[in-house]
Amino acid sequence: MAREEAHVQIQLCITFLVIILGFLLRVSLLEWALVLFCCALVLVTEALNTAIEKTLDFVHPAREPKIGIIKDISAGAVLFAAVFSVIIGLLIFLPKIIKVIGSF
């Protein structure tokens, strides 16, 4: 999936950067749990979205409005997970970044 899906490649790069940022900002154990949960949630929903889309393309290759709605819903789940992950990331990282910037 990581070789073929551009969105997954982007999400893996963001995950890698978030993990590096977590080490640099020394997040707590609870914050690590939340950060890693959010990263996993986005990647899992993306995997399920990809599986749903590939399955629907295999079952019904022609363009069908009802199948398009199903694909939109599964893509929406990824967006929903990503938006809330960004919010949680901001809640964890932003105060630490502001503190670091303020110490200069």
PDB file of N, CA and C in Angstrom:
ATOM      1  N   MET A   1       0.827  -1.188   0.000  1.00  0.00           N
ATOM      2  CA  MET A   1       0.000   0.000   0.000  1.00  0.00           C
ATOM      3  C   MET A   1       0.873   1.256   0.000  1.00  0.00           C
ATOM      4  N   ALA A   2       1.971   1.226   0.759  1.00  0.00           N
ATOM      5  CA  ALA A   2       2.839   2.400   0.837  1.00  0.00           C
ATOM      6  C   ALA A   2       3.530   2.684  -0.491  1.00  0.00           C
ATOM      7  N   ARG A   3       3.729   1.665  -1.309  1.00  0.00           N
ATOM      8  CA  ARG A   3       4.385   1.867  -2.604  1.00  0.00           C
ATOM      9  C   ARG A   3       3.456   2.462  -3.647  1.00  0.00           C
ATOM     10  N   GLU A   4       2.166   2.166  -3.536  1.00  0.00           N
ATOM     11  CA  GLU A   4       1.222   2.545  -4.580  1.00  0.00           C
ATOM     12  C   GLU A   4       0.369   3.768  -4.254  1.00  0.00           C
ATOM     13  N   GLU A   5       0.128   4.014  -2.983  1.00  0.00           N
ATOM     14  CA  GLU A   5      -0.808   5.071  -2.594  1.00  0.00           C
ATOM     15  C   GLU A   5      -0.066   6.318  -2.129  1.00  0.00           C
ATOM     16  N   ALA A   6      -0.221   7.406  -2.858  1.00  0.00           N
ATOM     17  CA  ALA A   6       0.462   8.661  -2.530  1.00  0.00           C
ATOM     18  C   ALA A   6       0.038   9.194  -1.167  1.00  0.00           C
ATOM     19  N   HIS A   7      -1.252   9.053  -0.841  1.00  0.00           N
ATOM     20  CA  HIS A   7      -1.725   9.537   0.453  1.00  0.00           C
ATOM     21  C   HIS A   7      -1.042   8.808   1.603  1.00  0.00           C
ATOM     22  N   VAL A   8      -0.828   7.525   1.446  1.00  0.00           N
ATOM     23  CA  VAL A   8      -0.164   6.739   2.486  1.00  0.00           C
ATOM     24  C   VAL A   8       1.283   7.190   2.628  1.00  0.00           C
ATOM     25  N   GLN A   9       1.945   7.461   1.529  1.00  0.00           N
ATOM     26  CA  GLN A   9       3.327   7.943   1.581  1.00  0.00           C
ATOM     27  C   GLN A   9       3.409   9.262   2.341  1.00  0.00           C
ATOM     28  N   ILE A  10       2.475  10.157   2.073  1.00  0.00           N
ATOM     29  CA  ILE A  10       2.431  11.441   2.770  1.00  0.00           C
ATOM     30  C   ILE A  10       2.170  11.221   4.259  1.00  0.00           C
ATOM     31  N   GLN A  11       1.206  10.353   4.578  1.00  0.00           N
ATOM     32  CA  GLN A  11       0.872  10.090   5.973  1.00  0.00           C
ATOM     33  C   GLN A  11       2.031   9.435   6.717  1.00  0.00           C
ATOM     34  N   LEU A  12       2.775   8.568   6.060  1.00  0.00           N
ATOM     35  CA  LEU A  12       3.941   7.955   6.695  1.00  0.00           C
ATOM     36  C   LEU A  12       5.044   8.986   6.940  1.00  0.00           C
ATOM     37  N   CYS A  13       5.230   9.908   6.018  1.00  0.00           N
ATOM     38  CA  CYS A  13       6.210  10.984   6.216  1.00  0.00           C
ATOM     39  C   CYS A  13       5.802  11.871   7.389  1.00  0.00           C
ATOM     40  N   ILE A  14       4.522  12.208   7.462  1.00  0.00           N
ATOM     41  CA  ILE A  14       4.031  13.027   8.576  1.00  0.00           C
ATOM     42  C   ILE A  14       4.202  12.275   9.888  1.00  0.00           C
ATOM     43  N   THR A  15       3.906  10.981   9.897  1.00  0.00           N
ATOM     44  CA  THR A  15       4.082  10.160  11.100  1.00  0.00           C
ATOM     45  C   THR A  15       5.536  10.192  11.548  1.00  0.00           C
ATOM     46  N   PHE A  16       6.452  10.032  10.607  1.00  0.00           N
ATOM     47  CA  PHE A  16       7.880  10.062  10.917  1.00  0.00           C
ATOM     48  C   PHE A  16       8.276  11.416  11.518  1.00  0.00           C
ATOM     49  N   LEU A  17       7.804  12.502  10.923  1.00  0.00           N
ATOM     50  CA  LEU A  17       8.112  13.846  11.420  1.00  0.00           C
ATOM     51  C   LEU A  17       7.518  14.087  12.807  1.00  0.00           C
ATOM     52  N   VAL A  18       6.307  13.594  13.027  1.00  0.00           N
ATOM     53  CA  VAL A  18       5.659  13.748  14.328  1.00  0.00           C
ATOM     54  C   VAL A  18       6.438  12.986  15.400  1.00  0.00           C
ATOM     55  N   ILE A  19       6.922  11.807  15.067  1.00  0.00           N
ATOM     56  CA  ILE A  19       7.702  11.027  16.029  1.00  0.00           C
ATOM     57  C   ILE A  19       9.010  11.749  16.364  1.00  0.00           C
ATOM     58  N   ILE A  20       9.664  12.288  15.368  1.00  0.00           N
ATOM     59  CA  ILE A  20      10.887  13.056  15.619  1.00  0.00           C
ATOM     60  C   ILE A  20      10.576  14.263  16.509  1.00  0.00           C
ATOM     61  N   LEU A  21       9.492  14.975  16.198  1.00  0.00           N
ATOM     62  CA  LEU A  21       9.090  16.130  16.994  1.00  0.00           C
ATOM     63  C   LEU A  21       8.792  15.716  18.435  1.00  0.00           C
ATOM     64  N   GLY A  22       8.162  14.560  18.604  1.00  0.00           N
ATOM     65  CA  GLY A  22       7.878  14.059  19.948  1.00  0.00           C
ATOM     66  C   GLY A  22       9.136  13.831  20.753  1.00  0.00           C
ATOM     67  N   PHE A  23      10.169  13.273  20.114  1.00  0.00           N
ATOM     68  CA  PHE A  23      11.450  13.081  20.809  1.00  0.00           C
ATOM     69  C   PHE A  23      12.101  14.428  21.130  1.00  0.00           C
ATOM     70  N   LEU A  24      12.078  15.339  20.175  1.00  0.00           N
ATOM     71  CA  LEU A  24      12.710  16.638  20.391  1.00  0.00           C
ATOM     72  C   LEU A  24      12.028  17.434  21.504  1.00  0.00           C
ATOM     73  N   LEU A  25      10.718  17.351  21.571  1.00  0.00           N
ATOM     74  CA  LEU A  25       9.969  18.113  22.564  1.00  0.00           C
ATOM     75  C   LEU A  25       9.712  17.324  23.847  1.00  0.00           C
ATOM     76  N   ARG A  26      10.199  16.103  23.887  1.00  0.00           N
ATOM     77  CA  ARG A  26      10.110  15.252  25.082  1.00  0.00           C
ATOM     78  C   ARG A  26       8.684  15.151  25.615  1.00  0.00           C
ATOM     79  N   VAL A  27       7.804  14.629  24.793  1.00  0.00           N
ATOM     80  CA  VAL A  27       6.418  14.469  25.220  1.00  0.00           C
ATOM     81  C   VAL A  27       6.336  13.390  26.295  1.00  0.00           C
ATOM     82  N   SER A  28       5.307  13.474  27.123  1.00  0.00           N
ATOM     83  CA  SER A  28       5.115  12.525  28.213  1.00  0.00           C
ATOM     84  C   SER A  28       4.624  11.184  27.671  1.00  0.00           C
ATOM     85  N   LEU A  29       4.581  10.200  28.550  1.00  0.00           N
ATOM     86  CA  LEU A  29       4.119   8.864  28.155  1.00  0.00           C
ATOM     87  C   LEU A  29       2.674   8.906  27.653  1.00  0.00           C
ATOM     88  N   LEU A  30       1.820   9.625  28.359  1.00  0.00           N
ATOM     89  CA  LEU A  30       0.425   9.754  27.934  1.00  0.00           C
ATOM     90  C   LEU A  30       0.328  10.464  26.582  1.00  0.00           C
ATOM     91  N   GLU A  31       1.131  11.504  26.403  1.00  0.00           N
ATOM     92  CA  GLU A  31       1.130  12.218  25.121  1.00  0.00           C
ATOM     93  C   GLU A  31       1.619  11.309  23.998  1.00  0.00           C
ATOM     94  N   TRP A  32       2.631  10.473  24.277  1.00  0.00           N
ATOM     95  CA  TRP A  32       3.092   9.510  23.276  1.00  0.00           C
ATOM     96  C   TRP A  32       1.967   8.562  22.891  1.00  0.00           C
ATOM     97  N   ALA A  33       1.238   8.095  23.898  1.00  0.00           N
ATOM     98  CA  ALA A  33       0.133   7.173  23.624  1.00  0.00           C
ATOM     99  C   ALA A  33      -0.893   7.822  22.700  1.00  0.00           C
ATOM    100  N   LEU A  34      -1.228   9.083  22.975  1.00  0.00           N
ATOM    101  CA  LEU A  34      -2.199   9.790  22.141  1.00  0.00           C
ATOM    102  C   LEU A  34      -1.664  10.032  20.731  1.00  0.00           C
ATOM    103  N   VAL A  35      -0.417  10.451  20.635  1.00  0.00           N
ATOM    104  CA  VAL A  35       0.194  10.725  19.326  1.00  0.00           C
ATOM    105  C   VAL A  35       0.249   9.448  18.495  1.00  0.00           C
ATOM    106  N   LEU A  36       0.731   8.371  19.078  1.00  0.00           N
ATOM    107  CA  LEU A  36       0.836   7.112  18.332  1.00  0.00           C
ATOM    108  C   LEU A  36      -0.538   6.551  17.981  1.00  0.00           C
ATOM    109  N   PHE A  37      -1.506   6.715  18.875  1.00  0.00           N
ATOM    110  CA  PHE A  37      -2.872   6.288  18.572  1.00  0.00           C
ATOM    111  C   PHE A  37      -3.416   7.058  17.372  1.00  0.00           C
ATOM    112  N   CYS A  38      -3.194   8.369  17.354  1.00  0.00           N
ATOM    113  CA  CYS A  38      -3.680   9.192  16.234  1.00  0.00           C
ATOM    114  C   CYS A  38      -3.007   8.794  14.924  1.00  0.00           C
ATOM    115  N   CYS A  39      -1.701   8.571  14.975  1.00  0.00           N
ATOM    116  CA  CYS A  39      -0.985   8.143  13.759  1.00  0.00           C
ATOM    117  C   CYS A  39      -1.540   6.815  13.257  1.00  0.00           C
ATOM    118  N   ALA A  40      -1.731   5.877  14.175  1.00  0.00           N
ATOM    119  CA  ALA A  40      -2.268   4.568  13.791  1.00  0.00           C
ATOM    120  C   ALA A  40      -3.692   4.694  13.254  1.00  0.00           C
ATOM    121  N   LEU A  41      -4.505   5.530  13.899  1.00  0.00           N
ATOM    122  CA  LEU A  41      -5.889   5.709  13.466  1.00  0.00           C
ATOM    123  C   LEU A  41      -5.965   6.204  12.030  1.00  0.00           C
ATOM    124  N   VAL A  42      -5.143   7.183  11.690  1.00  0.00           N
ATOM    125  CA  VAL A  42      -5.153   7.723  10.331  1.00  0.00           C
ATOM    126  C   VAL A  42      -4.687   6.652   9.337  1.00  0.00           C
ATOM    127  N   LEU A  43      -3.622   5.927   9.669  1.00  0.00           N
ATOM    128  CA  LEU A  43      -3.111   4.903   8.758  1.00  0.00           C
ATOM    129  C   LEU A  43      -4.090   3.740   8.609  1.00  0.00           C
ATOM    130  N   VAL A  44      -4.748   3.358   9.684  1.00  0.00           N
ATOM    131  CA  VAL A  44      -5.729   2.268   9.606  1.00  0.00           C
ATOM    132  C   VAL A  44      -6.939   2.684   8.781  1.00  0.00           C
ATOM    133  N   THR A  45      -7.437   3.897   9.010  1.00  0.00           N
ATOM    134  CA  THR A  45      -8.593   4.331   8.212  1.00  0.00           C
ATOM    135  C   THR A  45      -8.214   4.471   6.743  1.00  0.00           C
ATOM    136  N   GLU A  46      -6.992   4.889   6.469  1.00  0.00           N
ATOM    137  CA  GLU A  46      -6.535   4.973   5.078  1.00  0.00           C
ATOM    138  C   GLU A  46      -6.453   3.576   4.453  1.00  0.00           C
ATOM    139  N   ALA A  47      -5.974   2.610   5.212  1.00  0.00           N
ATOM    140  CA  ALA A  47      -5.900   1.231   4.704  1.00  0.00           C
ATOM    141  C   ALA A  47      -7.302   0.689   4.417  1.00  0.00           C
ATOM    142  N   LEU A  48      -8.233   0.936   5.323  1.00  0.00           N
ATOM    143  CA  LEU A  48      -9.611   0.485   5.099  1.00  0.00           C
ATOM    144  C   LEU A  48     -10.237   1.207   3.908  1.00  0.00           C
ATOM    145  N   ASN A  49      -9.985   2.497   3.780  1.00  0.00           N
ATOM    146  CA  ASN A  49     -10.489   3.259   2.641  1.00  0.00           C
ATOM    147  C   ASN A  49      -9.945   2.692   1.330  1.00  0.00           C
ATOM    148  N   THR A  50      -8.654   2.405   1.307  1.00  0.00           N
ATOM    149  CA  THR A  50      -8.035   1.840   0.104  1.00  0.00           C
ATOM    150  C   THR A  50      -8.646   0.480  -0.217  1.00  0.00           C
ATOM    151  N   ALA A  51      -8.832  -0.343   0.798  1.00  0.00           N
ATOM    152  CA  ALA A  51      -9.421  -1.670   0.583  1.00  0.00           C
ATOM    153  C   ALA A  51     -10.848  -1.555   0.044  1.00  0.00           C
ATOM    154  N   ILE A  52     -11.620  -0.638   0.599  1.00  0.00           N
ATOM    155  CA  ILE A  52     -12.993  -0.443   0.129  1.00  0.00           C
ATOM    156  C   ILE A  52     -12.997   0.026  -1.319  1.00  0.00           C
ATOM    157  N   GLU A  53     -12.158   1.006  -1.638  1.00  0.00           N
ATOM    158  CA  GLU A  53     -12.124   1.524  -3.005  1.00  0.00           C
ATOM    159  C   GLU A  53     -11.667   0.474  -4.004  1.00  0.00           C
ATOM    160  N   LYS A  54     -10.617  -0.276  -3.675  1.00  0.00           N
ATOM    161  CA  LYS A  54     -10.121  -1.325  -4.585  1.00  0.00           C
ATOM    162  C   LYS A  54     -11.166  -2.416  -4.774  1.00  0.00           C
ATOM    163  N   THR A  55     -11.846  -2.786  -3.701  1.00  0.00           N
ATOM    164  CA  THR A  55     -12.888  -3.818  -3.792  1.00  0.00           C
ATOM    165  C   THR A  55     -14.024  -3.349  -4.678  1.00  0.00           C
ATOM    166  N   LEU A  56     -14.475  -2.118  -4.483  1.00  0.00           N
ATOM    167  CA  LEU A  56     -15.573  -1.601  -5.295  1.00  0.00           C
ATOM    168  C   LEU A  56     -15.172  -1.461  -6.759  1.00  0.00           C
ATOM    169  N   ASP A  57     -13.936  -1.066  -7.017  1.00  0.00           N
ATOM    170  CA  ASP A  57     -13.460  -0.986  -8.400  1.00  0.00           C
ATOM    171  C   ASP A  57     -13.415  -2.369  -9.053  1.00  0.00           C
ATOM    172  N   PHE A  58     -13.082  -3.378  -8.267  1.00  0.00           N
ATOM    173  CA  PHE A  58     -13.023  -4.752  -8.789  1.00  0.00           C
ATOM    174  C   PHE A  58     -14.430  -5.298  -9.049  1.00  0.00           C
ATOM    175  N   VAL A  59     -15.328  -5.060  -8.112  1.00  0.00           N
ATOM    176  CA  VAL A  59     -16.689  -5.591  -8.222  1.00  0.00           C
ATOM    177  C   VAL A  59     -17.485  -4.873  -9.300  1.00  0.00           C
ATOM    178  N   HIS A  60     -17.294  -3.561  -9.386  1.00  0.00           N
ATOM    179  CA  HIS A  60     -18.076  -2.780 -10.350  1.00  0.00           C
ATOM    180  C   HIS A  60     -17.170  -1.721 -10.974  1.00  0.00           C
ATOM    181  N   PRO A  61     -16.427  -2.101 -12.042  1.00  0.00           N
ATOM    182  CA  PRO A  61     -15.454  -1.172 -12.645  1.00  0.00           C
ATOM    183  C   PRO A  61     -16.081   0.068 -13.289  1.00  0.00           C
ATOM    184  N   ALA A  62     -17.326  -0.024 -13.726  1.00  0.00           N
ATOM    185  CA  ALA A  62     -17.975   1.128 -14.363  1.00  0.00           C
ATOM    186  C   ALA A  62     -18.324   2.182 -13.317  1.00  0.00           C
ATOM    187  N   ARG A  63     -18.399   3.409 -13.772  1.00  0.00           N
ATOM    188  CA  ARG A  63     -18.743   4.514 -12.864  1.00  0.00           C
ATOM    189  C   ARG A  63     -20.204   4.381 -12.446  1.00  0.00           C
ATOM    190  N   GLU A  64     -20.428   4.412 -11.138  1.00  0.00           N
ATOM    191  CA  GLU A  64     -21.770   4.255 -10.582  1.00  0.00           C
ATOM    192  C   GLU A  64     -21.940   5.258  -9.440  1.00  0.00           C
ATOM    193  N   PRO A  65     -22.953   6.117  -9.498  1.00  0.00           N
ATOM    194  CA  PRO A  65     -23.134   7.143  -8.460  1.00  0.00           C
ATOM    195  C   PRO A  65     -23.227   6.584  -7.038  1.00  0.00           C
ATOM    196  N   LYS A  66     -23.914   5.467  -6.860  1.00  0.00           N
ATOM    197  CA  LYS A  66     -24.052   4.898  -5.514  1.00  0.00           C
ATOM    198  C   LYS A  66     -22.711   4.396  -4.985  1.00  0.00           C
ATOM    199  N   ILE A  67     -21.888   3.850  -5.857  1.00  0.00           N
ATOM    200  CA  ILE A  67     -20.557   3.412  -5.443  1.00  0.00           C
ATOM    201  C   ILE A  67     -19.701   4.635  -5.125  1.00  0.00           C
ATOM    202  N   GLY A  68     -19.880   5.701  -5.873  1.00  0.00           N
ATOM    203  CA  GLY A  68     -19.167   6.939  -5.593  1.00  0.00           C
ATOM    204  C   GLY A  68     -19.483   7.473  -4.202  1.00  0.00           C
ATOM    205  N   ILE A  69     -20.729   7.350  -3.779  1.00  0.00           N
ATOM    206  CA  ILE A  69     -21.129   7.787  -2.442  1.00  0.00           C
ATOM    207  C   ILE A  69     -20.425   6.945  -1.378  1.00  0.00           C
ATOM    208  N   ILE A  70     -20.366   5.642  -1.590  1.00  0.00           N
ATOM    209  CA  ILE A  70     -19.681   4.753  -0.644  1.00  0.00           C
ATOM    210  C   ILE A  70     -18.195   5.129  -0.542  1.00  0.00           C
ATOM    211  N   LYS A  71     -17.575   5.386  -1.690  1.00  0.00           N
ATOM    212  CA  LYS A  71     -16.162   5.791  -1.688  1.00  0.00           C
ATOM    213  C   LYS A  71     -15.973   7.120  -0.970  1.00  0.00           C
ATOM    214  N   ASP A  72     -16.893   8.051  -1.174  1.00  0.00           N
ATOM    215  CA  ASP A  72     -16.807   9.352  -0.506  1.00  0.00           C
ATOM    216  C   ASP A  72     -16.929   9.196   1.018  1.00  0.00           C
ATOM    217  N   ILE A  73     -17.805   8.312   1.447  1.00  0.00           N
ATOM    218  CA  ILE A  73     -17.973   8.079   2.884  1.00  0.00           C
ATOM    219  C   ILE A  73     -16.701   7.492   3.484  1.00  0.00           C
ATOM    220  N   SER A  74     -16.095   6.514   2.799  1.00  0.00           N
ATOM    221  CA  SER A  74     -14.871   5.916   3.347  1.00  0.00           C
ATOM    222  C   SER A  74     -13.710   6.911   3.323  1.00  0.00           C
ATOM    223  N   ALA A  75     -13.658   7.761   2.312  1.00  0.00           N
ATOM    224  CA  ALA A  75     -12.630   8.808   2.283  1.00  0.00           C
ATOM    225  C   ALA A  75     -12.903   9.842   3.377  1.00  0.00           C
ATOM    226  N   GLY A  76     -14.164  10.103   3.650  1.00  0.00           N
ATOM    227  CA  GLY A  76     -14.533  11.021   4.720  1.00  0.00           C
ATOM    228  C   GLY A  76     -14.077  10.527   6.084  1.00  0.00           C
ATOM    229  N   ALA A  77     -14.085   9.208   6.274  1.00  0.00           N
ATOM    230  CA  ALA A  77     -13.601   8.640   7.539  1.00  0.00           C
ATOM    231  C   ALA A  77     -12.123   8.954   7.736  1.00  0.00           C
ATOM    232  N   VAL A  78     -11.352   8.887   6.660  1.00  0.00           N
ATOM    233  CA  VAL A  78      -9.928   9.226   6.736  1.00  0.00           C
ATOM    234  C   VAL A  78      -9.772  10.704   7.074  1.00  0.00           C
ATOM    235  N   LEU A  79     -10.526  11.543   6.403  1.00  0.00           N
ATOM    236  CA  LEU A  79     -10.463  12.981   6.667  1.00  0.00           C
ATOM    237  C   LEU A  79     -10.835  13.284   8.112  1.00  0.00           C
ATOM    238  N   PHE A  80     -11.881  12.663   8.604  1.00  0.00           N
ATOM    239  CA  PHE A  80     -12.331  12.847   9.979  1.00  0.00           C
ATOM    240  C   PHE A  80     -11.226  12.462  10.965  1.00  0.00           C
ATOM    241  N   ALA A  81     -10.604  11.299  10.745  1.00  0.00           N
ATOM    242  CA  ALA A  81      -9.505  10.843  11.611  1.00  0.00           C
ATOM    243  C   ALA A  81      -8.327  11.804  11.534  1.00  0.00           C
ATOM    244  N   ALA A  82      -8.020  12.289  10.336  1.00  0.00           N
ATOM    245  CA  ALA A  82      -6.882  13.195  10.162  1.00  0.00           C
ATOM    246  C   ALA A  82      -7.130  14.542  10.833  1.00  0.00           C
ATOM    247  N   VAL A  83      -8.316  15.088  10.687  1.00  0.00           N
ATOM    248  CA  VAL A  83      -8.628  16.400  11.280  1.00  0.00           C
ATOM    249  C   VAL A  83      -8.526  16.329  12.804  1.00  0.00           C
ATOM    250  N   PHE A  84      -9.115  15.296  13.403  1.00  0.00           N
ATOM    251  CA  PHE A  84      -9.046  15.183  14.852  1.00  0.00           C
ATOM    252  C   PHE A  84      -7.638  14.858  15.329  1.00  0.00           C
ATOM    253  N   SER A  85      -6.871  14.153  14.524  1.00  0.00           N
ATOM    254  CA  SER A  85      -5.473  13.891  14.870  1.00  0.00           C
ATOM    255  C   SER A  85      -4.661  15.180  14.860  1.00  0.00           C
ATOM    256  N   VAL A  86      -4.924  16.046  13.908  1.00  0.00           N
ATOM    257  CA  VAL A  86      -4.244  17.346  13.860  1.00  0.00           C
ATOM    258  C   VAL A  86      -4.615  18.172  15.088  1.00  0.00           C
ATOM    259  N   ILE A  87      -5.871  18.154  15.467  1.00  0.00           N
ATOM    260  CA  ILE A  87      -6.302  18.906  16.648  1.00  0.00           C
ATOM    261  C   ILE A  87      -5.596  18.385  17.897  1.00  0.00           C
ATOM    262  N   ILE A  88      -5.555  17.068  18.061  1.00  0.00           N
ATOM    263  CA  ILE A  88      -4.873  16.478  19.213  1.00  0.00           C
ATOM    264  C   ILE A  88      -3.382  16.803  19.162  1.00  0.00           C
ATOM    265  N   GLY A  89      -2.790  16.726  17.971  1.00  0.00           N
ATOM    266  CA  GLY A  89      -1.379  17.079  17.821  1.00  0.00           C
ATOM    267  C   GLY A  89      -1.102  18.522  18.207  1.00  0.00           C
ATOM    268  N   LEU A  90      -1.979  19.413  17.808  1.00  0.00           N
ATOM    269  CA  LEU A  90      -1.813  20.826  18.186  1.00  0.00           C
ATOM    270  C   LEU A  90      -1.934  21.015  19.691  1.00  0.00           C
ATOM    271  N   LEU A  91      -2.877  20.323  20.308  1.00  0.00           N
ATOM    272  CA  LEU A  91      -3.044  20.428  21.762  1.00  0.00           C
ATOM    273  C   LEU A  91      -1.794  19.948  22.497  1.00  0.00           C
ATOM    274  N   ILE A  92      -1.131  18.943  21.947  1.00  0.00           N
ATOM    275  CA  ILE A  92       0.067  18.397  22.592  1.00  0.00           C
ATOM    276  C   ILE A  92       1.299  19.222  22.256  1.00  0.00           C
ATOM    277  N   PHE A  93       1.509  19.510  20.980  1.00  0.00           N
ATOM    278  CA  PHE A  93       2.768  20.109  20.540  1.00  0.00           C
ATOM    279  C   PHE A  93       2.816  21.630  20.622  1.00  0.00           C
ATOM    280  N   LEU A  94       1.718  22.300  20.363  1.00  0.00           N
ATOM    281  CA  LEU A  94       1.745  23.759  20.301  1.00  0.00           C
ATOM    282  C   LEU A  94       2.234  24.415  21.595  1.00  0.00           C
ATOM    283  N   PRO A  95       1.729  24.017  22.772  1.00  0.00           N
ATOM    284  CA  PRO A  95       2.258  24.639  23.995  1.00  0.00           C
ATOM    285  C   PRO A  95       3.761  24.403  24.181  1.00  0.00           C
ATOM    286  N   LYS A  96       4.236  23.226  23.785  1.00  0.00           N
ATOM    287  CA  LYS A  96       5.664  22.925  23.912  1.00  0.00           C
ATOM    288  C   LYS A  96       6.485  23.760  22.929  1.00  0.00           C
ATOM    289  N   ILE A  97       5.979  23.922  21.727  1.00  0.00           N
ATOM    290  CA  ILE A  97       6.679  24.747  20.725  1.00  0.00           C
ATOM    291  C   ILE A  97       6.718  26.203  21.166  1.00  0.00           C
ATOM    292  N   ILE A  98       5.591  26.702  21.683  1.00  0.00           N
ATOM    293  CA  ILE A  98       5.538  28.090  22.158  1.00  0.00           C
ATOM    294  C   ILE A  98       6.522  28.279  23.305  1.00  0.00           C
ATOM    295  N   LYS A  99       6.607  27.290  24.182  1.00  0.00           N
ATOM    296  CA  LYS A  99       7.550  27.368  25.307  1.00  0.00           C
ATOM    297  C   LYS A  99       8.994  27.415  24.813  1.00  0.00           C
ATOM    298  N   VAL A 100       9.321  26.591  23.824  1.00  0.00           N
ATOM    299  CA  VAL A 100      10.679  26.579  23.260  1.00  0.00           C
ATOM    300  C   VAL A 100      10.983  27.907  22.591  1.00  0.00           C
ATOM    301  N   ILE A 101      10.042  28.415  21.807  1.00  0.00           N
ATOM    302  CA  ILE A 101      10.243  29.693  21.111  1.00  0.00           C
ATOM    303  C   ILE A 101      10.399  30.826  22.125  1.00  0.00           C
ATOM    304  N   GLY A 102       9.598  30.780  23.182  1.00  0.00           N
ATOM    305  CA  GLY A 102       9.645  31.816  24.202  1.00  0.00           C
ATOM    306  C   GLY A 102      10.940  31.834  24.990  1.00  0.00           C
ATOM    307  N   SER A 103      11.659  30.710  24.999  1.00  0.00           N
ATOM    308  CA  SER A 103      12.920  30.642  25.761  1.00  0.00           C
ATOM    309  C   SER A 103      14.103  31.237  24.994  1.00  0.00           C
ATOM    310  N   PHE A 104      13.890  31.609  23.734  1.00  0.00           N
ATOM    311  CA  PHE A 104      14.983  32.197  22.950  1.00  0.00           C
ATOM    312  C   PHE A 104      15.112  33.669  23.187  1.00  0.00           C
TER     313      PHE A 104
END
